[in-house]
Amino acid sequence: MNDRPNAQVVMAKCSKKRLSYGMRVEEKERKTWHVTWAFPISDKRARAEKYENTKIEGSFVLDDTYKGCPYCGMSGFFSCYKCGKISCWDGAQTVTCAHCDTVSDIGGTISELDVGGDL
C-alpha cells in the first residue's frame, strides 16, 4: 500500500513583485485539493521540473498551513481568464494578471489547474 500523499505543484506569480513561485497542493479528499505551502522558484527551474505538464481537476481550498505567497504574503490566488495562469490575490474585486497584465473582475470558481509532480 502506498501511503505517499497525492501532491502536485501549481506554478504562480506574485502580483506585486512579478516573481514566480510554486504552490504545493495535496488531494486530501477525492477531487478536493488543499493548497498547503508555497516556495520561490525560478522559471528556468520550474521548466526543468516540468511543473506545468499535466492538469488536475476538482475544488481548491486554502489549507490552515498555507502562509501565502512567499514574496508578499497574499493568501488568495486567481486564474486569469485570458492566459489561464495563476497569480496571488489580495481579495480585491478587480485584479491584474502578473503574467499577461490583463485587468479583470473576479468571478467564478477554479475547477482545473496545470500542475507538475511534487518536489
C-alpha atoms as a PDB file:
ATOM      1  CA  MET A   1       0.000   0.000   0.000  1.00  0.00           C
ATOM      2  CA  ASN A   2       1.287   3.478  -0.914  1.00  0.00           C
ATOM      3  CA  ASP A   3       0.963   5.974   1.970  1.00  0.00           C
ATOM      4  CA  ARG A   4       2.512   8.793  -0.029  1.00  0.00           C
ATOM      5  CA  PRO A   5       0.096  11.728  -0.444  1.00  0.00           C
ATOM      6  CA  ASN A   6      -1.110  12.727  -3.892  1.00  0.00           C
ATOM      7  CA  ALA A   7       0.676  16.079  -4.077  1.00  0.00           C
ATOM      8  CA  GLN A   8       1.410  18.315  -7.058  1.00  0.00           C
ATOM      9  CA  VAL A   9       2.931  21.727  -7.720  1.00  0.00           C
ATOM     10  CA  VAL A  10       0.993  24.611  -9.268  1.00  0.00           C
ATOM     11  CA  MET A  11       3.055  27.453 -10.721  1.00  0.00           C
ATOM     12  CA  ALA A  12       2.035  31.011  -9.836  1.00  0.00           C
ATOM     13  CA  LYS A  13       3.410  34.532  -9.993  1.00  0.00           C
ATOM     14  CA  CYS A  14       3.413  37.250  -7.323  1.00  0.00           C
ATOM     15  CA  SER A  15       1.038  40.065  -8.286  1.00  0.00           C
ATOM     16  CA  LYS A  16       3.239  42.667  -6.582  1.00  0.00           C
ATOM     17  CA  LYS A  17       6.801  41.565  -7.380  1.00  0.00           C
ATOM     18  CA  ARG A  18       6.108  39.564 -10.579  1.00  0.00           C
ATOM     19  CA  LEU A  19       8.317  36.696  -9.355  1.00  0.00           C
ATOM     20  CA  SER A  20       7.454  33.020  -9.848  1.00  0.00           C
ATOM     21  CA  TYR A  21       6.632  30.575  -7.079  1.00  0.00           C
ATOM     22  CA  GLY A  22       5.244  27.086  -6.698  1.00  0.00           C
ATOM     23  CA  MET A  23       2.193  26.195  -4.637  1.00  0.00           C
ATOM     24  CA  ARG A  24       2.083  22.660  -3.271  1.00  0.00           C
ATOM     25  CA  VAL A  25      -1.411  21.173  -3.496  1.00  0.00           C
ATOM     26  CA  GLU A  26      -2.458  17.897  -1.906  1.00  0.00           C
ATOM     27  CA  GLU A  27      -5.564  15.853  -2.642  1.00  0.00           C
ATOM     28  CA  LYS A  28      -6.873  15.279   0.895  1.00  0.00           C
ATOM     29  CA  GLU A  29     -10.305  14.120  -0.205  1.00  0.00           C
ATOM     30  CA  ARG A  30     -11.301  12.850  -3.645  1.00  0.00           C
ATOM     31  CA  LYS A  31     -11.024  15.804  -6.091  1.00  0.00           C
ATOM     32  CA  THR A  32     -10.548  18.270  -3.210  1.00  0.00           C
ATOM     33  CA  TRP A  33      -7.111  19.857  -3.394  1.00  0.00           C
ATOM     34  CA  HIS A  34      -5.657  21.733  -0.418  1.00  0.00           C
ATOM     35  CA  VAL A  35      -3.025  24.410  -1.020  1.00  0.00           C
ATOM     36  CA  THR A  36      -0.554  23.591   1.781  1.00  0.00           C
ATOM     37  CA  TRP A  37       2.513  25.786   1.230  1.00  0.00           C
ATOM     38  CA  ALA A  38       4.396  27.885  -1.337  1.00  0.00           C
ATOM     39  CA  PHE A  39       8.042  28.320  -2.272  1.00  0.00           C
ATOM     40  CA  PRO A  40      10.067  30.652  -4.503  1.00  0.00           C
ATOM     41  CA  ILE A  41      11.322  29.081  -7.744  1.00  0.00           C
ATOM     42  CA  SER A  42      12.857  30.440 -10.932  1.00  0.00           C
ATOM     43  CA  ASP A  43      11.085  29.975 -14.269  1.00  0.00           C
ATOM     44  CA  LYS A  44      14.106  28.020 -15.535  1.00  0.00           C
ATOM     45  CA  ARG A  45      13.964  25.580 -12.612  1.00  0.00           C
ATOM     46  CA  ALA A  46      10.181  25.207 -12.958  1.00  0.00           C
ATOM     47  CA  ARG A  47      10.567  24.290 -16.651  1.00  0.00           C
ATOM     48  CA  ALA A  48      13.284  21.759 -15.772  1.00  0.00           C
ATOM     49  CA  GLU A  49      10.978  20.200 -13.150  1.00  0.00           C
ATOM     50  CA  LYS A  50       8.119  20.130 -15.736  1.00  0.00           C
ATOM     51  CA  TYR A  51       5.694  21.765 -13.322  1.00  0.00           C
ATOM     52  CA  GLU A  52       3.084  22.621 -15.983  1.00  0.00           C
ATOM     53  CA  ASN A  53       2.836  19.338 -17.880  1.00  0.00           C
ATOM     54  CA  THR A  54      -0.463  17.942 -16.548  1.00  0.00           C
ATOM     55  CA  LYS A  55      -3.807  19.170 -15.231  1.00  0.00           C
ATOM     56  CA  ILE A  56      -5.731  18.441 -12.057  1.00  0.00           C
ATOM     57  CA  GLU A  57      -9.462  18.890 -11.627  1.00  0.00           C
ATOM     58  CA  GLY A  58     -11.650  19.413  -8.614  1.00  0.00           C
ATOM     59  CA  SER A  59     -12.117  22.054  -5.969  1.00  0.00           C
ATOM     60  CA  PHE A  60      -9.258  24.030  -4.429  1.00  0.00           C
ATOM     61  CA  VAL A  61      -9.137  25.224  -0.829  1.00  0.00           C
ATOM     62  CA  LEU A  62      -6.533  27.000   1.262  1.00  0.00           C
ATOM     63  CA  ASP A  63      -5.262  24.685   3.994  1.00  0.00           C
ATOM     64  CA  ASP A  64      -4.751  26.033   7.526  1.00  0.00           C
ATOM     65  CA  THR A  65      -0.999  25.508   6.988  1.00  0.00           C
ATOM     66  CA  TYR A  66      -0.838  27.800   3.914  1.00  0.00           C
ATOM     67  CA  LYS A  67       1.040  31.022   4.682  1.00  0.00           C
ATOM     68  CA  GLY A  68       0.507  32.664   1.285  1.00  0.00           C
ATOM     69  CA  CYS A  69       2.749  33.959  -1.473  1.00  0.00           C
ATOM     70  CA  PRO A  70       6.422  33.682  -0.438  1.00  0.00           C
ATOM     71  CA  TYR A  71       7.093  37.227  -1.692  1.00  0.00           C
ATOM     72  CA  CYS A  72       4.156  39.368  -0.498  1.00  0.00           C
ATOM     73  CA  GLY A  73       2.172  37.086   1.827  1.00  0.00           C
ATOM     74  CA  MET A  74      -1.155  37.334  -0.039  1.00  0.00           C
ATOM     75  CA  SER A  75      -3.064  34.160   0.779  1.00  0.00           C
ATOM     76  CA  GLY A  76      -5.543  34.127  -2.114  1.00  0.00           C
ATOM     77  CA  PHE A  77      -4.973  33.312  -5.770  1.00  0.00           C
ATOM     78  CA  PHE A  78      -6.833  33.647  -9.063  1.00  0.00           C
ATOM     79  CA  SER A  79      -6.675  32.157 -12.531  1.00  0.00           C
ATOM     80  CA  CYS A  80      -6.542  34.681 -15.377  1.00  0.00           C
ATOM     81  CA  TYR A  81      -9.459  34.252 -17.774  1.00  0.00           C
ATOM     82  CA  LYS A  82      -7.214  35.182 -20.733  1.00  0.00           C
ATOM     83  CA  CYS A  83      -3.949  33.237 -20.218  1.00  0.00           C
ATOM     84  CA  GLY A  84      -5.157  30.725 -17.586  1.00  0.00           C
ATOM     85  CA  LYS A  85      -2.146  31.276 -15.330  1.00  0.00           C
ATOM     86  CA  ILE A  86      -2.225  31.789 -11.553  1.00  0.00           C
ATOM     87  CA  SER A  87      -1.350  34.968  -9.637  1.00  0.00           C
ATOM     88  CA  CYS A  88      -1.613  35.694  -5.917  1.00  0.00           C
ATOM     89  CA  TRP A  89      -4.638  37.732  -4.843  1.00  0.00           C
ATOM     90  CA  ASP A  90      -5.403  40.145  -2.009  1.00  0.00           C
ATOM     91  CA  GLY A  91      -9.188  39.789  -2.166  1.00  0.00           C
ATOM     92  CA  ALA A  92      -9.839  42.870  -4.335  1.00  0.00           C
ATOM     93  CA  GLN A  93     -12.693  42.695  -6.864  1.00  0.00           C
ATOM     94  CA  THR A  94     -10.514  43.935  -9.770  1.00  0.00           C
ATOM     95  CA  VAL A  95      -7.204  42.179 -10.476  1.00  0.00           C
ATOM     96  CA  THR A  96      -4.274  42.403 -12.879  1.00  0.00           C
ATOM     97  CA  CYS A  97      -2.683  39.175 -14.070  1.00  0.00           C
ATOM     98  CA  ALA A  98       1.030  39.062 -13.172  1.00  0.00           C
ATOM     99  CA  HIS A  99       1.708  37.023 -16.336  1.00  0.00           C
ATOM    100  CA  CYS A 100      -0.100  38.889 -19.145  1.00  0.00           C
ATOM    101  CA  ASP A 101      -1.259  42.161 -17.497  1.00  0.00           C
ATOM    102  CA  THR A 102      -4.940  41.501 -18.259  1.00  0.00           C
ATOM    103  CA  VAL A 103      -7.210  43.516 -15.958  1.00  0.00           C
ATOM    104  CA  SER A 104     -10.496  41.846 -14.980  1.00  0.00           C
ATOM    105  CA  ASP A 105     -13.066  41.453 -12.238  1.00  0.00           C
ATOM    106  CA  ILE A 106     -13.006  38.345 -10.059  1.00  0.00           C
ATOM    107  CA  GLY A 107     -15.815  35.871 -10.655  1.00  0.00           C
ATOM    108  CA  GLY A 108     -16.493  32.158 -10.806  1.00  0.00           C
ATOM    109  CA  THR A 109     -14.540  29.262  -9.347  1.00  0.00           C
ATOM    110  CA  ILE A 110     -11.390  27.419 -10.365  1.00  0.00           C
ATOM    111  CA  SER A 111     -12.032  23.793 -11.308  1.00  0.00           C
ATOM    112  CA  GLU A 112      -8.822  22.891 -13.190  1.00  0.00           C
ATOM    113  CA  LEU A 113      -5.131  23.809 -12.836  1.00  0.00           C
ATOM    114  CA  ASP A 114      -1.901  22.981 -14.686  1.00  0.00           C
ATOM    115  CA  VAL A 115       0.486  21.126 -12.382  1.00  0.00           C
ATOM    116  CA  GLY A 116       3.642  19.066 -12.132  1.00  0.00           C
ATOM    117  CA  GLY A 117       4.883  16.411  -9.736  1.00  0.00           C
ATOM    118  CA  ASP A 118       5.682  17.119  -6.098  1.00  0.00           C
ATOM    119  CA  LEU A 119       9.218  18.143  -5.140  1.00  0.00           C
END
